[in-house]
Amino acid sequence: MHQFLRAIGFSDITKKQLNEVINNIIDKPEKLKVTKDSEGNEFAELSCDVAPNMGITVRGIYNDDDSFDIDYYYPYFTGSEKTTNEIIDIEKHSEKESYAGVCDDPNLGVTLIFYLQNVCDYLSEKAHINREVRAKGAVLSGLSVDGCILLPMKQKKAKTLNTVDSDKKDRKQLIAEARDGDEGAMESLTMEDIDLYSSITRRIQNEDILSIVTTYFMPYGIESDQYSVLGDIIEFTEEKNIITNEKIYCIKVSCNDIIFSVCINKNDLIGEPMVGRRFKGNIWMQGSICL
């Protein structure tokens, strides 16, 4: 059973109940997309929402007699706005007809990998242009089963904020140059990291780490599309799973200058979300590429 089902309100669902939900999706899907997969099969995505912008997608193959063979299912949560404008490369997972989006966003400083939601759109576009697709941008979202709310950082003065913004812009430029092979940029970034490490090492003797670090985005665990994040809450809503009546928070977060939404079961979130506070948690990153 998928560990992130609880993020969309299925915390106590049994295998029998899950099979009923999946069979209902196959019989009466709210959304249906069909295309040819990498082996020429009639590949289909069948989806149903259980709350606004979240639900379960079933993927599989239609046979010649119109029977449907399930390959796998996954819980989804769709974002509300474009997260990145960088070029997205698509890579196929080895074990099944699923894909990952990969991009280098200078805001993050790490390679961003996410689970691709609109696979049928991607396969159709690939067949149409008869070559590999490189998408321009993606709408990202995260599912979380472990999170907490932190108090906001002390507001900085406008002059300080302008300096911070300037430093961020310079760092993005250095990262871009380093990726192009500029050794001077690599050396500058290395020196910056050494200085930052020294500064944090001194401050951490007397301060809590979460009062020093305003936001972070870093890989979590062994899965390439899971991350540990800390970001400012821009807005949030409380939704309800129409099958289980479990409550879910949908939280829009600004993290390392990128914006994405996270859904989390109310029972898995410690604290009360409010605009201006911070969300800290581990997420499974999903996304739809812009074609």
C-alpha atoms as a PDB file:
ATOM      1  CA  MET A   1       0.000   0.000   0.000  1.00  0.00           C
ATOM      2  CA  HIS A   2       1.330   3.443  -0.942  1.00  0.00           C
ATOM      3  CA  GLN A   3       2.785   5.245   2.091  1.00  0.00           C
ATOM      4  CA  PHE A   4       1.582   8.668   0.900  1.00  0.00           C
ATOM      5  CA  LEU A   5      -2.112   7.683   0.757  1.00  0.00           C
ATOM      6  CA  ARG A   6      -2.514   9.171   4.231  1.00  0.00           C
ATOM      7  CA  ALA A   7      -1.432  12.566   2.874  1.00  0.00           C
ATOM      8  CA  ILE A   8      -4.715  12.760   0.914  1.00  0.00           C
ATOM      9  CA  GLY A   9      -6.870  11.473   3.773  1.00  0.00           C
ATOM     10  CA  PHE A  10      -6.529   7.676   3.680  1.00  0.00           C
ATOM     11  CA  SER A  11      -4.711   7.075   6.965  1.00  0.00           C
ATOM     12  CA  ASP A  12      -6.595   3.936   8.019  1.00  0.00           C
ATOM     13  CA  ILE A  13      -7.750   2.464   4.706  1.00  0.00           C
ATOM     14  CA  THR A  14      -7.638  -1.335   4.430  1.00  0.00           C
ATOM     15  CA  LYS A  15      -6.492  -3.257   1.371  1.00  0.00           C
ATOM     16  CA  LYS A  16     -10.081  -4.293   0.672  1.00  0.00           C
ATOM     17  CA  GLN A  17     -11.330  -0.704   0.867  1.00  0.00           C
ATOM     18  CA  LEU A  18      -8.475   0.479  -1.351  1.00  0.00           C
ATOM     19  CA  ASN A  19      -9.332  -2.146  -3.976  1.00  0.00           C
ATOM     20  CA  GLU A  20     -12.933  -0.895  -3.959  1.00  0.00           C
ATOM     21  CA  VAL A  21     -11.746   2.684  -4.497  1.00  0.00           C
ATOM     22  CA  ILE A  22      -9.451   1.611  -7.355  1.00  0.00           C
ATOM     23  CA  ASN A  23     -12.208  -0.457  -9.002  1.00  0.00           C
ATOM     24  CA  ASN A  24     -14.562   2.531  -8.801  1.00  0.00           C
ATOM     25  CA  ILE A  25     -11.932   4.695 -10.501  1.00  0.00           C
ATOM     26  CA  ILE A  26     -11.562   2.136 -13.305  1.00  0.00           C
ATOM     27  CA  ASP A  27     -15.345   1.838 -13.749  1.00  0.00           C
ATOM     28  CA  LYS A  28     -16.131   5.571 -13.528  1.00  0.00           C
ATOM     29  CA  PRO A  29     -13.017   7.734 -13.879  1.00  0.00           C
ATOM     30  CA  GLU A  30     -13.441  11.493 -13.570  1.00  0.00           C
ATOM     31  CA  LYS A  31     -10.432  12.001 -15.852  1.00  0.00           C
ATOM     32  CA  LEU A  32      -9.238   9.604 -18.543  1.00  0.00           C
ATOM     33  CA  LYS A  33      -6.214   9.958 -20.825  1.00  0.00           C
ATOM     34  CA  VAL A  34      -5.032   7.339 -23.318  1.00  0.00           C
ATOM     35  CA  THR A  35      -1.908   7.201 -25.485  1.00  0.00           C
ATOM     36  CA  LYS A  36       0.772   4.772 -26.698  1.00  0.00           C
ATOM     37  CA  ASP A  37       3.485   3.872 -24.200  1.00  0.00           C
ATOM     38  CA  SER A  38       7.172   3.224 -24.909  1.00  0.00           C
ATOM     39  CA  GLU A  39       6.353  -0.338 -26.058  1.00  0.00           C
ATOM     40  CA  GLY A  40       3.378   0.594 -28.256  1.00  0.00           C
ATOM     41  CA  ASN A  41       0.674  -0.483 -25.797  1.00  0.00           C
ATOM     42  CA  GLU A  42      -2.598   1.391 -25.217  1.00  0.00           C
ATOM     43  CA  PHE A  43      -1.475   3.158 -22.039  1.00  0.00           C
ATOM     44  CA  ALA A  44      -4.086   4.895 -19.887  1.00  0.00           C
ATOM     45  CA  GLU A  45      -4.306   7.186 -16.861  1.00  0.00           C
ATOM     46  CA  LEU A  46      -7.585   7.073 -14.915  1.00  0.00           C
ATOM     47  CA  SER A  47      -8.086   9.537 -12.060  1.00  0.00           C
ATOM     48  CA  CYS A  48     -10.654  10.578  -9.465  1.00  0.00           C
ATOM     49  CA  ASP A  49     -10.475  13.418  -6.942  1.00  0.00           C
ATOM     50  CA  VAL A  50     -11.219  12.749  -3.266  1.00  0.00           C
ATOM     51  CA  ALA A  51     -10.774  16.429  -2.347  1.00  0.00           C
ATOM     52  CA  PRO A  52      -9.996  19.554  -4.396  1.00  0.00           C
ATOM     53  CA  ASN A  53      -6.850  18.984  -6.508  1.00  0.00           C
ATOM     54  CA  MET A  54      -6.023  15.619  -4.942  1.00  0.00           C
ATOM     55  CA  GLY A  55      -6.966  12.002  -5.476  1.00  0.00           C
ATOM     56  CA  ILE A  56      -5.754   8.697  -6.898  1.00  0.00           C
ATOM     57  CA  THR A  57      -4.502   7.934 -10.408  1.00  0.00           C
ATOM     58  CA  VAL A  58      -4.526   4.385 -11.771  1.00  0.00           C
ATOM     59  CA  ARG A  59      -2.227   3.583 -14.690  1.00  0.00           C
ATOM     60  CA  GLY A  60      -2.298   0.528 -16.892  1.00  0.00           C
ATOM     61  CA  ILE A  61      -2.932  -1.004 -20.305  1.00  0.00           C
ATOM     62  CA  TYR A  62      -6.133  -1.447 -22.317  1.00  0.00           C
ATOM     63  CA  ASN A  63      -6.235  -4.804 -24.105  1.00  0.00           C
ATOM     64  CA  ASP A  64      -7.787  -5.513 -27.520  1.00  0.00           C
ATOM     65  CA  ASP A  65     -11.022  -6.647 -25.827  1.00  0.00           C
ATOM     66  CA  ASP A  66     -11.199  -3.305 -23.915  1.00  0.00           C
ATOM     67  CA  SER A  67     -10.340  -4.978 -20.607  1.00  0.00           C
ATOM     68  CA  PHE A  68      -7.983  -2.994 -18.384  1.00  0.00           C
ATOM     69  CA  ASP A  69      -4.833  -4.370 -16.765  1.00  0.00           C
ATOM     70  CA  ILE A  70      -3.643  -2.323 -13.791  1.00  0.00           C
ATOM     71  CA  ASP A  71       0.051  -1.574 -13.701  1.00  0.00           C
ATOM     72  CA  TYR A  72       0.104   0.626 -10.593  1.00  0.00           C
ATOM     73  CA  TYR A  73      -1.645   3.473  -8.776  1.00  0.00           C
ATOM     74  CA  TYR A  74      -0.448   6.517  -6.871  1.00  0.00           C
ATOM     75  CA  PRO A  75      -1.935   9.367  -4.810  1.00  0.00           C
ATOM     76  CA  TYR A  76      -1.608  12.794  -6.406  1.00  0.00           C
ATOM     77  CA  PHE A  77      -1.861  16.430  -5.420  1.00  0.00           C
ATOM     78  CA  THR A  78      -1.740  19.094  -8.113  1.00  0.00           C
ATOM     79  CA  GLY A  79      -0.128  22.492  -7.651  1.00  0.00           C
ATOM     80  CA  SER A  80      -1.826  25.798  -8.372  1.00  0.00           C
ATOM     81  CA  GLU A  81       0.930  27.790 -10.084  1.00  0.00           C
ATOM     82  CA  LYS A  82       4.090  27.409 -12.138  1.00  0.00           C
ATOM     83  CA  THR A  83       7.056  26.698  -9.888  1.00  0.00           C
ATOM     84  CA  THR A  84      10.030  26.804 -12.216  1.00  0.00           C
ATOM     85  CA  ASN A  85      10.759  28.095 -15.711  1.00  0.00           C
ATOM     86  CA  GLU A  86      13.869  25.979 -16.176  1.00  0.00           C
ATOM     87  CA  ILE A  87      14.233  23.346 -18.904  1.00  0.00           C
ATOM     88  CA  ILE A  88      12.916  19.958 -17.715  1.00  0.00           C
ATOM     89  CA  ASP A  89      14.448  16.679 -18.889  1.00  0.00           C
ATOM     90  CA  ILE A  90      12.381  13.493 -18.572  1.00  0.00           C
ATOM     91  CA  GLU A  91      13.794  10.133 -17.492  1.00  0.00           C
ATOM     92  CA  LYS A  92      11.939   6.806 -17.435  1.00  0.00           C
ATOM     93  CA  HIS A  93      11.937   4.662 -14.300  1.00  0.00           C
ATOM     94  CA  SER A  94      13.393   1.240 -14.995  1.00  0.00           C
ATOM     95  CA  GLU A  95      10.752  -0.918 -13.317  1.00  0.00           C
ATOM     96  CA  LYS A  96       7.511   0.452 -14.863  1.00  0.00           C
ATOM     97  CA  GLU A  97       5.954   3.004 -17.200  1.00  0.00           C
ATOM     98  CA  SER A  98       6.518   5.965 -14.913  1.00  0.00           C
ATOM     99  CA  TYR A  99       8.784   8.959 -15.316  1.00  0.00           C
ATOM    100  CA  ALA A 100      10.767  11.564 -13.419  1.00  0.00           C
ATOM    101  CA  GLY A 101      11.274  15.209 -14.292  1.00  0.00           C
ATOM    102  CA  VAL A 102      14.806  16.543 -13.789  1.00  0.00           C
ATOM    103  CA  CYS A 103      15.951  20.160 -13.806  1.00  0.00           C
ATOM    104  CA  ASP A 104      18.677  22.405 -12.426  1.00  0.00           C
ATOM    105  CA  ASP A 105      17.050  25.399 -10.759  1.00  0.00           C
ATOM    106  CA  PRO A 106      19.637  27.953  -9.551  1.00  0.00           C
ATOM    107  CA  ASN A 107      17.299  28.951  -6.714  1.00  0.00           C
ATOM    108  CA  LEU A 108      17.780  25.543  -5.098  1.00  0.00           C
ATOM    109  CA  GLY A 109      21.445  24.849  -5.733  1.00  0.00           C
ATOM    110  CA  VAL A 110      20.634  21.138  -6.173  1.00  0.00           C
ATOM    111  CA  THR A 111      19.258  19.103  -9.058  1.00  0.00           C
ATOM    112  CA  LEU A 112      15.479  18.964  -8.672  1.00  0.00           C
ATOM    113  CA  ILE A 113      13.872  15.582  -9.376  1.00  0.00           C
ATOM    114  CA  PHE A 114      10.121  15.050  -9.232  1.00  0.00           C
ATOM    115  CA  TYR A 115       7.554  12.340 -10.007  1.00  0.00           C
ATOM    116  CA  LEU A 116       5.853  13.145 -13.313  1.00  0.00           C
ATOM    117  CA  GLN A 117       2.053  13.431 -13.128  1.00  0.00           C
ATOM    118  CA  ASN A 118       1.074  14.102 -16.754  1.00  0.00           C
ATOM    119  CA  VAL A 119       2.730  11.059 -18.325  1.00  0.00           C
ATOM    120  CA  CYS A 120       0.108  10.670 -21.085  1.00  0.00           C
ATOM    121  CA  ASP A 121       0.607  14.288 -22.144  1.00  0.00           C
ATOM    122  CA  TYR A 122       4.362  13.715 -22.266  1.00  0.00           C
ATOM    123  CA  LEU A 123       4.097  10.475 -24.291  1.00  0.00           C
ATOM    124  CA  SER A 124       1.636  12.057 -26.736  1.00  0.00           C
ATOM    125  CA  GLU A 125       3.908  15.067 -27.251  1.00  0.00           C
ATOM    126  CA  LYS A 126       6.939  12.824 -27.706  1.00  0.00           C
ATOM    127  CA  ALA A 127       5.123  10.790 -30.376  1.00  0.00           C
ATOM    128  CA  HIS A 128       3.887  13.960 -32.078  1.00  0.00           C
ATOM    129  CA  ILE A 129       7.298  15.629 -32.449  1.00  0.00           C
ATOM    130  CA  ASN A 130       9.096  12.278 -32.911  1.00  0.00           C
ATOM    131  CA  ARG A 131      11.963  13.212 -30.598  1.00  0.00           C
ATOM    132  CA  GLU A 132      12.733  13.662 -26.912  1.00  0.00           C
ATOM    133  CA  VAL A 133      10.678  16.287 -25.077  1.00  0.00           C
ATOM    134  CA  ARG A 134      12.392  19.079 -23.143  1.00  0.00           C
ATOM    135  CA  ALA A 135       9.672  20.987 -21.326  1.00  0.00           C
ATOM    136  CA  LYS A 136       9.951  24.643 -20.354  1.00  0.00           C
ATOM    137  CA  GLY A 137       8.861  24.781 -16.721  1.00  0.00           C
ATOM    138  CA  ALA A 138       6.707  22.740 -14.352  1.00  0.00           C
ATOM    139  CA  VAL A 139       3.964  23.052 -11.750  1.00  0.00           C
ATOM    140  CA  LEU A 140       5.220  21.306  -8.610  1.00  0.00           C
ATOM    141  CA  SER A 141       3.503  20.008  -5.488  1.00  0.00           C
ATOM    142  CA  GLY A 142       4.395  17.862  -2.502  1.00  0.00           C
ATOM    143  CA  LEU A 143       2.731  15.174  -0.403  1.00  0.00           C
ATOM    144  CA  SER A 144       3.813  14.970   3.222  1.00  0.00           C
ATOM    145  CA  VAL A 145       3.166  12.508   6.036  1.00  0.00           C
ATOM    146  CA  ASP A 146       5.392  14.256   8.571  1.00  0.00           C
ATOM    147  CA  GLY A 147       5.410  17.989   9.252  1.00  0.00           C
ATOM    148  CA  CYS A 148       5.331  20.735  11.844  1.00  0.00           C
ATOM    149  CA  ILE A 149       4.677  24.457  12.040  1.00  0.00           C
ATOM    150  CA  LEU A 150       7.397  26.836  13.231  1.00  0.00           C
ATOM    151  CA  LEU A 151       7.206  30.449  14.290  1.00  0.00           C
ATOM    152  CA  PRO A 152       8.361  33.037  11.736  1.00  0.00           C
ATOM    153  CA  MET A 153      11.802  34.609  11.721  1.00  0.00           C
ATOM    154  CA  LYS A 154      12.248  38.158  12.968  1.00  0.00           C
ATOM    155  CA  GLN A 155      11.525  40.583  10.129  1.00  0.00           C
ATOM    156  CA  LYS A 156      14.617  42.169   8.609  1.00  0.00           C
ATOM    157  CA  LYS A 157      14.888  45.851   7.730  1.00  0.00           C
ATOM    158  CA  ALA A 158      14.358  46.908   4.106  1.00  0.00           C
ATOM    159  CA  LYS A 159      18.036  47.805   3.679  1.00  0.00           C
ATOM    160  CA  THR A 160      19.090  44.368   4.905  1.00  0.00           C
ATOM    161  CA  LEU A 161      16.552  42.684   2.618  1.00  0.00           C
ATOM    162  CA  ASN A 162      17.943  44.549  -0.390  1.00  0.00           C
ATOM    163  CA  THR A 163      21.435  43.319   0.478  1.00  0.00           C
ATOM    164  CA  VAL A 164      20.170  39.742   0.855  1.00  0.00           C
ATOM    165  CA  ASP A 165      18.378  39.907  -2.513  1.00  0.00           C
ATOM    166  CA  SER A 166      21.544  41.216  -4.157  1.00  0.00           C
ATOM    167  CA  ASP A 167      23.613  38.411  -2.615  1.00  0.00           C
ATOM    168  CA  LYS A 168      21.080  35.818  -3.820  1.00  0.00           C
ATOM    169  CA  LYS A 169      21.209  37.203  -7.344  1.00  0.00           C
ATOM    170  CA  ASP A 170      25.014  37.088  -7.342  1.00  0.00           C
ATOM    171  CA  ARG A 171      25.003  33.504  -6.057  1.00  0.00           C
ATOM    172  CA  LYS A 172      22.545  32.373  -8.752  1.00  0.00           C
ATOM    173  CA  GLN A 173      24.821  33.886 -11.364  1.00  0.00           C
ATOM    174  CA  LEU A 174      27.843  32.092  -9.905  1.00  0.00           C
ATOM    175  CA  ILE A 175      25.968  28.763  -9.861  1.00  0.00           C
ATOM    176  CA  ALA A 176      24.986  29.216 -13.515  1.00  0.00           C
ATOM    177  CA  GLU A 177      28.588  30.028 -14.457  1.00  0.00           C
ATOM    178  CA  ALA A 178      29.940  27.085 -12.440  1.00  0.00           C
ATOM    179  CA  ARG A 179      27.595  24.699 -14.268  1.00  0.00           C
ATOM    180  CA  ASP A 180      29.036  26.000 -17.519  1.00  0.00           C
ATOM    181  CA  GLY A 181      32.517  25.039 -16.324  1.00  0.00           C
ATOM    182  CA  ASP A 182      33.800  28.400 -15.038  1.00  0.00           C
ATOM    183  CA  GLU A 183      36.567  27.491 -12.566  1.00  0.00           C
ATOM    184  CA  GLY A 184      36.594  30.997 -11.075  1.00  0.00           C
ATOM    185  CA  ALA A 185      32.901  30.701 -10.231  1.00  0.00           C
ATOM    186  CA  MET A 186      33.482  27.262  -8.695  1.00  0.00           C
ATOM    187  CA  GLU A 187      36.255  28.661  -6.512  1.00  0.00           C
ATOM    188  CA  SER A 188      34.096  31.623  -5.425  1.00  0.00           C
ATOM    189  CA  LEU A 189      31.229  29.295  -4.469  1.00  0.00           C
ATOM    190  CA  THR A 190      33.609  27.061  -2.517  1.00  0.00           C
ATOM    191  CA  MET A 191      34.962  30.046  -0.561  1.00  0.00           C
ATOM    192  CA  GLU A 192      31.413  31.295   0.121  1.00  0.00           C
ATOM    193  CA  ASP A 193      30.429  27.873   1.474  1.00  0.00           C
ATOM    194  CA  ILE A 194      33.500  27.766   3.729  1.00  0.00           C
ATOM    195  CA  ASP A 195      32.717  31.242   5.102  1.00  0.00           C
ATOM    196  CA  LEU A 196      29.061  30.292   5.611  1.00  0.00           C
ATOM    197  CA  TYR A 197      30.022  27.093   7.424  1.00  0.00           C
ATOM    198  CA  SER A 198      32.366  29.023   9.729  1.00  0.00           C
ATOM    199  CA  SER A 199      29.680  31.616  10.481  1.00  0.00           C
ATOM    200  CA  ILE A 200      27.034  28.991  11.278  1.00  0.00           C
ATOM    201  CA  THR A 201      29.493  27.015  13.419  1.00  0.00           C
ATOM    202  CA  ARG A 202      30.080  30.110  15.578  1.00  0.00           C
ATOM    203  CA  ARG A 203      26.414  31.083  15.851  1.00  0.00           C
ATOM    204  CA  ILE A 204      25.142  27.602  16.596  1.00  0.00           C
ATOM    205  CA  GLN A 205      26.993  27.640  19.919  1.00  0.00           C
ATOM    206  CA  ASN A 206      24.436  30.115  21.281  1.00  0.00           C
ATOM    207  CA  GLU A 207      21.491  29.964  18.860  1.00  0.00           C
ATOM    208  CA  ASP A 208      19.002  27.352  17.688  1.00  0.00           C
ATOM    209  CA  ILE A 209      19.651  26.184  14.122  1.00  0.00           C
ATOM    210  CA  LEU A 210      16.079  27.043  13.057  1.00  0.00           C
ATOM    211  CA  SER A 211      16.593  30.656  14.132  1.00  0.00           C
ATOM    212  CA  ILE A 212      19.655  30.840  11.864  1.00  0.00           C
ATOM    213  CA  VAL A 213      18.356  28.986   8.806  1.00  0.00           C
ATOM    214  CA  THR A 214      15.315  30.741   7.340  1.00  0.00           C
ATOM    215  CA  THR A 215      14.564  28.170   4.644  1.00  0.00           C
ATOM    216  CA  TYR A 216      16.076  25.034   3.131  1.00  0.00           C
ATOM    217  CA  PHE A 217      15.446  22.442   0.433  1.00  0.00           C
ATOM    218  CA  MET A 218      17.529  19.283   0.529  1.00  0.00           C
ATOM    219  CA  PRO A 219      17.285  15.617  -0.517  1.00  0.00           C
ATOM    220  CA  TYR A 220      15.770  13.247   2.024  1.00  0.00           C
ATOM    221  CA  GLY A 221      16.230   9.485   2.312  1.00  0.00           C
ATOM    222  CA  ILE A 222      17.144   7.125  -0.514  1.00  0.00           C
ATOM    223  CA  GLU A 223      14.388   8.139  -2.953  1.00  0.00           C
ATOM    224  CA  SER A 224      15.532  10.751  -5.459  1.00  0.00           C
ATOM    225  CA  ASP A 225      12.204  12.640  -5.488  1.00  0.00           C
ATOM    226  CA  GLN A 226      11.802  13.084  -1.732  1.00  0.00           C
ATOM    227  CA  TYR A 227      13.000  16.190   0.102  1.00  0.00           C
ATOM    228  CA  SER A 228      13.211  17.785   3.504  1.00  0.00           C
ATOM    229  CA  VAL A 229      11.948  21.366   3.277  1.00  0.00           C
ATOM    230  CA  LEU A 230      11.539  24.460   5.409  1.00  0.00           C
ATOM    231  CA  GLY A 231       9.674  27.430   3.991  1.00  0.00           C
ATOM    232  CA  ASP A 232       7.375  30.361   4.692  1.00  0.00           C
ATOM    233  CA  ILE A 233       3.618  29.786   4.533  1.00  0.00           C
ATOM    234  CA  ILE A 234       2.035  32.077   1.919  1.00  0.00           C
ATOM    235  CA  GLU A 235      -1.512  30.719   2.165  1.00  0.00           C
ATOM    236  CA  PHE A 236      -3.351  27.588   3.252  1.00  0.00           C
ATOM    237  CA  THR A 237      -6.755  25.905   3.113  1.00  0.00           C
ATOM    238  CA  GLU A 238      -8.363  23.027   4.967  1.00  0.00           C
ATOM    239  CA  GLU A 239     -10.020  20.369   2.795  1.00  0.00           C
ATOM    240  CA  LYS A 240     -11.889  17.129   3.509  1.00  0.00           C
ATOM    241  CA  ASN A 241     -11.594  13.694   1.910  1.00  0.00           C
ATOM    242  CA  ILE A 242     -15.107  12.909   0.610  1.00  0.00           C
ATOM    243  CA  ILE A 243     -14.669   9.183   1.275  1.00  0.00           C
ATOM    244  CA  THR A 244     -13.095   9.139   4.753  1.00  0.00           C
ATOM    245  CA  ASN A 245     -14.001  12.671   5.970  1.00  0.00           C
ATOM    246  CA  GLU A 246     -10.401  13.098   7.138  1.00  0.00           C
ATOM    247  CA  LYS A 247      -9.173  16.695   7.087  1.00  0.00           C
ATOM    248  CA  ILE A 248      -6.205  17.761   4.989  1.00  0.00           C
ATOM    249  CA  TYR A 249      -4.194  20.976   4.988  1.00  0.00           C
ATOM    250  CA  CYS A 250      -3.119  22.389   1.621  1.00  0.00           C
ATOM    251  CA  ILE A 251      -0.234  24.752   2.330  1.00  0.00           C
ATOM    252  CA  LYS A 252       1.452  27.015  -0.214  1.00  0.00           C
ATOM    253  CA  VAL A 253       5.105  27.423   0.727  1.00  0.00           C
ATOM    254  CA  SER A 254       7.900  29.744  -0.400  1.00  0.00           C
ATOM    255  CA  CYS A 255      11.123  27.775  -0.083  1.00  0.00           C
ATOM    256  CA  ASN A 256      14.504  28.935  -1.423  1.00  0.00           C
ATOM    257  CA  ASP A 257      12.695  31.400  -3.701  1.00  0.00           C
ATOM    258  CA  ILE A 258      10.491  28.776  -5.348  1.00  0.00           C
ATOM    259  CA  ILE A 259       6.794  28.414  -4.565  1.00  0.00           C
ATOM    260  CA  PHE A 260       4.917  25.111  -4.382  1.00  0.00           C
ATOM    261  CA  SER A 261       1.955  23.613  -2.512  1.00  0.00           C
ATOM    262  CA  VAL A 262       2.067  20.786   0.026  1.00  0.00           C
ATOM    263  CA  CYS A 263      -0.811  18.617   1.243  1.00  0.00           C
ATOM    264  CA  ILE A 264      -0.659  16.899   4.612  1.00  0.00           C
ATOM    265  CA  ASN A 265      -3.179  15.043   6.756  1.00  0.00           C
ATOM    266  CA  LYS A 266      -4.244  17.238   9.662  1.00  0.00           C
ATOM    267  CA  ASN A 267      -3.353  14.404  12.048  1.00  0.00           C
ATOM    268  CA  ASP A 268       0.232  14.340  10.724  1.00  0.00           C
ATOM    269  CA  LEU A 269       0.884  18.053  11.204  1.00  0.00           C
ATOM    270  CA  ILE A 270       2.151  19.365  14.533  1.00  0.00           C
ATOM    271  CA  GLY A 271       1.012  22.924  15.137  1.00  0.00           C
ATOM    272  CA  GLU A 272      -1.478  25.295  13.554  1.00  0.00           C
ATOM    273  CA  PRO A 273      -0.661  26.727  10.105  1.00  0.00           C
ATOM    274  CA  MET A 274      -0.895  30.495   9.685  1.00  0.00           C
ATOM    275  CA  VAL A 275       0.298  32.849   6.968  1.00  0.00           C
ATOM    276  CA  GLY A 276       3.773  34.066   7.947  1.00  0.00           C
ATOM    277  CA  ARG A 277       4.632  30.988   9.974  1.00  0.00           C
ATOM    278  CA  ARG A 278       6.926  28.313   8.556  1.00  0.00           C
ATOM    279  CA  PHE A 279       6.281  24.752   7.431  1.00  0.00           C
ATOM    280  CA  LYS A 280       8.939  22.126   8.103  1.00  0.00           C
ATOM    281  CA  GLY A 281       8.521  18.612   6.806  1.00  0.00           C
ATOM    282  CA  ASN A 282       9.479  15.798   4.474  1.00  0.00           C
ATOM    283  CA  ILE A 283       7.740  15.678   1.100  1.00  0.00           C
ATOM    284  CA  TRP A 284       7.342  13.531  -1.989  1.00  0.00           C
ATOM    285  CA  MET A 285       7.704  15.963  -4.886  1.00  0.00           C
ATOM    286  CA  GLN A 286       5.363  15.603  -7.855  1.00  0.00           C
ATOM    287  CA  GLY A 287       4.873  17.815 -10.874  1.00  0.00           C
ATOM    288  CA  SER A 288       3.246  18.432 -14.237  1.00  0.00           C
ATOM    289  CA  ILE A 289       5.484  19.672 -17.024  1.00  0.00           C
ATOM    290  CA  CYS A 290       4.406  22.597 -19.201  1.00  0.00           C
ATOM    291  CA  LEU A 291       4.092  21.453 -22.824  1.00  0.00           C
END
